[in-house]
Amino acid sequence: MKKEVTHYDWVSITLHWLSAVVIIGLFAVGLWMVDLNYYSSWYTVAPHWHKSIGLSLMAATLFRLLWKTIKNQPEIIGSGLEKISAKSAHAVIYILLFGLFISGYLISTSDGRGIEVFNWLTVPSMGELFLDQSDIAGEIHEYLAYTLIGLALLHAVAAFKHHFIHKDNTLKKMLGVNEK
């Protein structure tokens, strides 16, 4: 008989909040660095860190998905429609993330150079796979980023709705707060 899980474990909680902070940070840095000019001291530094952190987030997201498959998760609270909406939103968030990872890779490697990750390792390039790869992937990357941030805001609003209006433990489960 399977024991009912009422809260997320510390690994899931840490990955959730770390991902949230990193995604918001990468979005903010992405907005800022597109306006950098060639003479800025950040012109090469910011993209290097953006790519390195983005690829680290990809690894963490892959681990997070693996963790979700091996670790029991708490039941989603709400009506049937709310449960379907929550599961759909979570799936779309992961799809958007992987779209961002792939489009970021395509932007960065279209010139044939690999991506240096914190100067520890190089993710190899597959070169330009299609005409205007970096421009097309750049547009996709931008739209996916805005969509992800919008969905993340909706996700936060839903958590606050559960906390303040429904007064259930949806938010508390992800904060690691135990109800007595």
C-alpha atoms as a PDB file:
ATOM      1  CA  MET A   1       0.000   0.000   0.000  1.00  0.00           C
ATOM      2  CA  LYS A   2       1.374   3.393  -1.067  1.00  0.00           C
ATOM      3  CA  LYS A   3       1.721   6.065   1.628  1.00  0.00           C
ATOM      4  CA  GLU A   4      -0.107   9.326   0.810  1.00  0.00           C
ATOM      5  CA  VAL A   5       2.299  12.175   0.130  1.00  0.00           C
ATOM      6  CA  THR A   6       1.112  15.499   1.570  1.00  0.00           C
ATOM      7  CA  HIS A   7       4.138  17.748   0.912  1.00  0.00           C
ATOM      8  CA  TYR A   8       6.938  18.024  -1.579  1.00  0.00           C
ATOM      9  CA  ASP A   9      10.338  16.730  -0.513  1.00  0.00           C
ATOM     10  CA  TRP A  10      13.266  19.116  -0.045  1.00  0.00           C
ATOM     11  CA  VAL A  11      14.806  18.188  -3.425  1.00  0.00           C
ATOM     12  CA  SER A  12      11.590  19.078  -5.283  1.00  0.00           C
ATOM     13  CA  ILE A  13      11.167  22.286  -3.291  1.00  0.00           C
ATOM     14  CA  THR A  14      14.773  23.357  -3.863  1.00  0.00           C
ATOM     15  CA  LEU A  15      14.608  22.606  -7.591  1.00  0.00           C
ATOM     16  CA  HIS A  16      11.289  24.473  -7.921  1.00  0.00           C
ATOM     17  CA  TRP A  17      12.433  27.683  -6.221  1.00  0.00           C
ATOM     18  CA  LEU A  18      15.934  27.603  -7.676  1.00  0.00           C
ATOM     19  CA  SER A  19      14.440  27.169 -11.154  1.00  0.00           C
ATOM     20  CA  ALA A  20      12.038  30.058 -10.542  1.00  0.00           C
ATOM     21  CA  VAL A  21      14.834  32.412  -9.477  1.00  0.00           C
ATOM     22  CA  VAL A  22      17.111  31.322 -12.341  1.00  0.00           C
ATOM     23  CA  ILE A  23      14.349  31.668 -14.965  1.00  0.00           C
ATOM     24  CA  ILE A  24      13.455  35.178 -13.791  1.00  0.00           C
ATOM     25  CA  GLY A  25      17.152  36.095 -13.667  1.00  0.00           C
ATOM     26  CA  LEU A  26      17.855  34.721 -17.146  1.00  0.00           C
ATOM     27  CA  PHE A  27      14.836  36.601 -18.506  1.00  0.00           C
ATOM     28  CA  ALA A  28      16.002  39.875 -16.958  1.00  0.00           C
ATOM     29  CA  VAL A  29      19.584  39.396 -18.172  1.00  0.00           C
ATOM     30  CA  GLY A  30      18.309  38.424 -21.628  1.00  0.00           C
ATOM     31  CA  LEU A  31      16.308  41.647 -21.863  1.00  0.00           C
ATOM     32  CA  TRP A  32      19.310  43.664 -20.715  1.00  0.00           C
ATOM     33  CA  MET A  33      21.999  42.065 -22.834  1.00  0.00           C
ATOM     34  CA  VAL A  34      20.252  42.446 -26.203  1.00  0.00           C
ATOM     35  CA  ASP A  35      20.933  46.193 -25.929  1.00  0.00           C
ATOM     36  CA  LEU A  36      24.643  45.821 -25.133  1.00  0.00           C
ATOM     37  CA  ASN A  37      26.974  47.248 -27.737  1.00  0.00           C
ATOM     38  CA  TYR A  38      30.305  45.894 -28.886  1.00  0.00           C
ATOM     39  CA  TYR A  39      32.214  48.327 -26.657  1.00  0.00           C
ATOM     40  CA  SER A  40      30.477  47.296 -23.438  1.00  0.00           C
ATOM     41  CA  SER A  41      32.611  45.289 -21.024  1.00  0.00           C
ATOM     42  CA  TRP A  42      29.584  43.006 -20.631  1.00  0.00           C
ATOM     43  CA  TYR A  43      29.259  42.285 -24.381  1.00  0.00           C
ATOM     44  CA  THR A  44      30.894  38.854 -24.117  1.00  0.00           C
ATOM     45  CA  VAL A  45      30.623  38.265 -20.360  1.00  0.00           C
ATOM     46  CA  ALA A  46      26.803  38.468 -20.107  1.00  0.00           C
ATOM     47  CA  PRO A  47      26.094  36.012 -22.956  1.00  0.00           C
ATOM     48  CA  HIS A  48      28.714  33.604 -21.558  1.00  0.00           C
ATOM     49  CA  TRP A  49      26.998  33.568 -18.164  1.00  0.00           C
ATOM     50  CA  HIS A  50      23.509  33.487 -19.727  1.00  0.00           C
ATOM     51  CA  LYS A  51      24.428  30.411 -21.789  1.00  0.00           C
ATOM     52  CA  SER A  52      26.279  28.675 -18.943  1.00  0.00           C
ATOM     53  CA  ILE A  53      23.445  29.197 -16.479  1.00  0.00           C
ATOM     54  CA  GLY A  54      20.866  28.277 -19.125  1.00  0.00           C
ATOM     55  CA  LEU A  55      22.593  24.970 -19.848  1.00  0.00           C
ATOM     56  CA  SER A  56      22.912  24.320 -16.104  1.00  0.00           C
ATOM     57  CA  LEU A  57      19.168  24.957 -15.796  1.00  0.00           C
ATOM     58  CA  MET A  58      18.609  22.454 -18.596  1.00  0.00           C
ATOM     59  CA  ALA A  59      20.549  19.808 -16.657  1.00  0.00           C
ATOM     60  CA  ALA A  60      18.628  20.653 -13.475  1.00  0.00           C
ATOM     61  CA  THR A  61      15.326  20.464 -15.383  1.00  0.00           C
ATOM     62  CA  LEU A  62      16.215  17.040 -16.785  1.00  0.00           C
ATOM     63  CA  PHE A  63      17.089  15.897 -13.264  1.00  0.00           C
ATOM     64  CA  ARG A  64      13.848  17.449 -11.970  1.00  0.00           C
ATOM     65  CA  LEU A  65      11.776  15.489 -14.490  1.00  0.00           C
ATOM     66  CA  LEU A  66      13.607  12.289 -13.571  1.00  0.00           C
ATOM     67  CA  TRP A  67      13.058  13.052  -9.880  1.00  0.00           C
ATOM     68  CA  LYS A  68       9.326  13.573 -10.485  1.00  0.00           C
ATOM     69  CA  THR A  69       9.094  10.107 -12.041  1.00  0.00           C
ATOM     70  CA  ILE A  70      10.777   8.319  -9.133  1.00  0.00           C
ATOM     71  CA  LYS A  71       9.407  10.358  -6.218  1.00  0.00           C
ATOM     72  CA  ASN A  72       5.737  10.402  -5.267  1.00  0.00           C
ATOM     73  CA  GLN A  73       4.201  13.861  -5.555  1.00  0.00           C
ATOM     74  CA  PRO A  74       1.342  15.322  -3.494  1.00  0.00           C
ATOM     75  CA  GLU A  75      -2.125  15.303  -5.010  1.00  0.00           C
ATOM     76  CA  ILE A  76      -3.188  18.482  -6.814  1.00  0.00           C
ATOM     77  CA  ILE A  77      -5.991  20.216  -4.922  1.00  0.00           C
ATOM     78  CA  GLY A  78      -9.040  21.662  -6.671  1.00  0.00           C
ATOM     79  CA  SER A  79     -11.905  20.898  -8.986  1.00  0.00           C
ATOM     80  CA  GLY A  80     -11.513  18.626 -11.973  1.00  0.00           C
ATOM     81  CA  LEU A  81     -10.969  21.646 -14.231  1.00  0.00           C
ATOM     82  CA  GLU A  82      -8.362  23.106 -11.846  1.00  0.00           C
ATOM     83  CA  LYS A  83      -6.479  19.811 -11.759  1.00  0.00           C
ATOM     84  CA  ILE A  84      -6.479  19.540 -15.553  1.00  0.00           C
ATOM     85  CA  SER A  85      -5.420  23.198 -15.839  1.00  0.00           C
ATOM     86  CA  ALA A  86      -2.588  22.754 -13.332  1.00  0.00           C
ATOM     87  CA  LYS A  87      -1.279  19.605 -15.029  1.00  0.00           C
ATOM     88  CA  SER A  88      -1.535  21.252 -18.445  1.00  0.00           C
ATOM     89  CA  ALA A  89       0.237  24.413 -17.238  1.00  0.00           C
ATOM     90  CA  HIS A  90       3.060  22.357 -15.738  1.00  0.00           C
ATOM     91  CA  ALA A  91       3.448  20.396 -18.991  1.00  0.00           C
ATOM     92  CA  VAL A  92       3.477  23.604 -21.050  1.00  0.00           C
ATOM     93  CA  ILE A  93       6.091  25.135 -18.716  1.00  0.00           C
ATOM     94  CA  TYR A  94       8.390  22.167 -19.366  1.00  0.00           C
ATOM     95  CA  ILE A  95       7.733  22.351 -23.124  1.00  0.00           C
ATOM     96  CA  LEU A  96       8.547  26.075 -23.112  1.00  0.00           C
ATOM     97  CA  LEU A  97      11.721  25.449 -21.126  1.00  0.00           C
ATOM     98  CA  PHE A  98      12.956  22.830 -23.562  1.00  0.00           C
ATOM     99  CA  GLY A  99      12.000  25.097 -26.458  1.00  0.00           C
ATOM    100  CA  LEU A 100      14.151  27.800 -24.854  1.00  0.00           C
ATOM    101  CA  PHE A 101      17.042  25.401 -24.311  1.00  0.00           C
ATOM    102  CA  ILE A 102      16.934  24.204 -27.930  1.00  0.00           C
ATOM    103  CA  SER A 103      16.478  27.664 -29.460  1.00  0.00           C
ATOM    104  CA  GLY A 104      19.255  29.074 -27.259  1.00  0.00           C
ATOM    105  CA  TYR A 105      21.545  26.278 -28.426  1.00  0.00           C
ATOM    106  CA  LEU A 106      20.641  26.976 -32.071  1.00  0.00           C
ATOM    107  CA  ILE A 107      21.339  30.710 -31.656  1.00  0.00           C
ATOM    108  CA  SER A 108      24.699  30.120 -30.004  1.00  0.00           C
ATOM    109  CA  THR A 109      26.058  27.382 -32.245  1.00  0.00           C
ATOM    110  CA  SER A 110      24.972  28.453 -35.726  1.00  0.00           C
ATOM    111  CA  ASP A 111      28.484  29.797 -36.419  1.00  0.00           C
ATOM    112  CA  GLY A 112      30.024  26.373 -35.739  1.00  0.00           C
ATOM    113  CA  ARG A 113      31.456  27.210 -32.310  1.00  0.00           C
ATOM    114  CA  GLY A 114      30.456  25.165 -29.269  1.00  0.00           C
ATOM    115  CA  ILE A 115      29.129  26.671 -26.051  1.00  0.00           C
ATOM    116  CA  GLU A 116      31.618  27.075 -23.217  1.00  0.00           C
ATOM    117  CA  VAL A 117      29.885  26.214 -19.937  1.00  0.00           C
ATOM    118  CA  PHE A 118      31.644  28.164 -17.160  1.00  0.00           C
ATOM    119  CA  ASN A 119      34.906  27.399 -19.017  1.00  0.00           C
ATOM    120  CA  TRP A 120      34.631  23.848 -17.609  1.00  0.00           C
ATOM    121  CA  LEU A 121      33.355  22.049 -20.687  1.00  0.00           C
ATOM    122  CA  THR A 122      32.238  22.760 -24.219  1.00  0.00           C
ATOM    123  CA  VAL A 123      28.899  21.683 -25.622  1.00  0.00           C
ATOM    124  CA  PRO A 124      29.716  20.962 -29.268  1.00  0.00           C
ATOM    125  CA  SER A 125      28.048  22.719 -32.180  1.00  0.00           C
ATOM    126  CA  MET A 126      26.139  21.024 -34.962  1.00  0.00           C
ATOM    127  CA  GLY A 127      26.703  24.122 -37.107  1.00  0.00           C
ATOM    128  CA  GLU A 128      24.044  25.938 -39.077  1.00  0.00           C
ATOM    129  CA  LEU A 129      21.285  23.400 -39.633  1.00  0.00           C
ATOM    130  CA  PHE A 130      19.039  25.757 -41.636  1.00  0.00           C
ATOM    131  CA  LEU A 131      19.243  29.143 -43.322  1.00  0.00           C
ATOM    132  CA  ASP A 132      19.136  32.159 -40.947  1.00  0.00           C
ATOM    133  CA  GLN A 133      19.257  29.768 -37.994  1.00  0.00           C
ATOM    134  CA  SER A 134      20.402  32.281 -35.377  1.00  0.00           C
ATOM    135  CA  ASP A 135      17.831  34.911 -36.420  1.00  0.00           C
ATOM    136  CA  ILE A 136      14.900  32.484 -36.539  1.00  0.00           C
ATOM    137  CA  ALA A 137      15.953  30.747 -33.309  1.00  0.00           C
ATOM    138  CA  GLY A 138      16.441  34.174 -31.707  1.00  0.00           C
ATOM    139  CA  GLU A 139      12.857  35.199 -32.500  1.00  0.00           C
ATOM    140  CA  ILE A 140      11.533  31.887 -31.195  1.00  0.00           C
ATOM    141  CA  HIS A 141      13.701  32.213 -28.074  1.00  0.00           C
ATOM    142  CA  GLU A 142      12.288  35.673 -27.359  1.00  0.00           C
ATOM    143  CA  TYR A 143       8.633  34.669 -27.815  1.00  0.00           C
ATOM    144  CA  LEU A 144       9.073  31.514 -25.749  1.00  0.00           C
ATOM    145  CA  ALA A 145      10.723  33.533 -22.954  1.00  0.00           C
ATOM    146  CA  TYR A 146       7.841  36.019 -22.799  1.00  0.00           C
ATOM    147  CA  THR A 147       5.324  33.169 -22.869  1.00  0.00           C
ATOM    148  CA  LEU A 148       7.139  31.324 -20.083  1.00  0.00           C
ATOM    149  CA  ILE A 149       7.230  34.416 -17.866  1.00  0.00           C
ATOM    150  CA  GLY A 150       3.517  35.009 -18.510  1.00  0.00           C
ATOM    151  CA  LEU A 151       2.659  31.424 -17.622  1.00  0.00           C
ATOM    152  CA  ALA A 152       4.886  31.579 -14.528  1.00  0.00           C
ATOM    153  CA  LEU A 153       2.959  34.671 -13.386  1.00  0.00           C
ATOM    154  CA  LEU A 154      -0.312  32.824 -13.939  1.00  0.00           C
ATOM    155  CA  HIS A 155       1.141  29.890 -11.974  1.00  0.00           C
ATOM    156  CA  ALA A 156       1.987  32.239  -9.068  1.00  0.00           C
ATOM    157  CA  VAL A 157      -1.482  33.842  -9.182  1.00  0.00           C
ATOM    158  CA  ALA A 158      -3.069  30.381  -9.010  1.00  0.00           C
ATOM    159  CA  ALA A 159      -0.924  29.480  -5.986  1.00  0.00           C
ATOM    160  CA  PHE A 160      -1.938  32.716  -4.220  1.00  0.00           C
ATOM    161  CA  LYS A 161      -5.594  32.081  -5.119  1.00  0.00           C
ATOM    162  CA  HIS A 162      -5.386  28.688  -3.452  1.00  0.00           C
ATOM    163  CA  HIS A 163      -3.661  30.185  -0.424  1.00  0.00           C
ATOM    164  CA  PHE A 164      -5.743  33.311   0.154  1.00  0.00           C
ATOM    165  CA  ILE A 165      -9.151  32.445  -1.339  1.00  0.00           C
ATOM    166  CA  HIS A 166      -9.489  28.670  -0.992  1.00  0.00           C
ATOM    167  CA  LYS A 167      -7.274  28.630   2.113  1.00  0.00           C
ATOM    168  CA  ASP A 168      -5.856  25.225   1.216  1.00  0.00           C
ATOM    169  CA  ASN A 169      -2.253  24.049   1.506  1.00  0.00           C
ATOM    170  CA  THR A 170      -1.282  24.224  -2.183  1.00  0.00           C
ATOM    171  CA  LEU A 171       1.317  26.952  -1.603  1.00  0.00           C
ATOM    172  CA  LYS A 172       2.401  25.579   1.764  1.00  0.00           C
ATOM    173  CA  LYS A 173       3.275  22.228   0.164  1.00  0.00           C
ATOM    174  CA  MET A 174       5.861  23.940  -2.020  1.00  0.00           C
ATOM    175  CA  LEU A 175       7.151  26.092   0.831  1.00  0.00           C
ATOM    176  CA  GLY A 176       7.781  23.034   2.982  1.00  0.00           C
ATOM    177  CA  VAL A 177       5.354  24.239   5.672  1.00  0.00           C
ATOM    178  CA  ASN A 178       3.742  21.385   7.586  1.00  0.00           C
ATOM    179  CA  GLU A 179       0.154  21.827   8.686  1.00  0.00           C
ATOM    180  CA  LYS A 180      -0.749  20.634  12.130  1.00  0.00           C
END
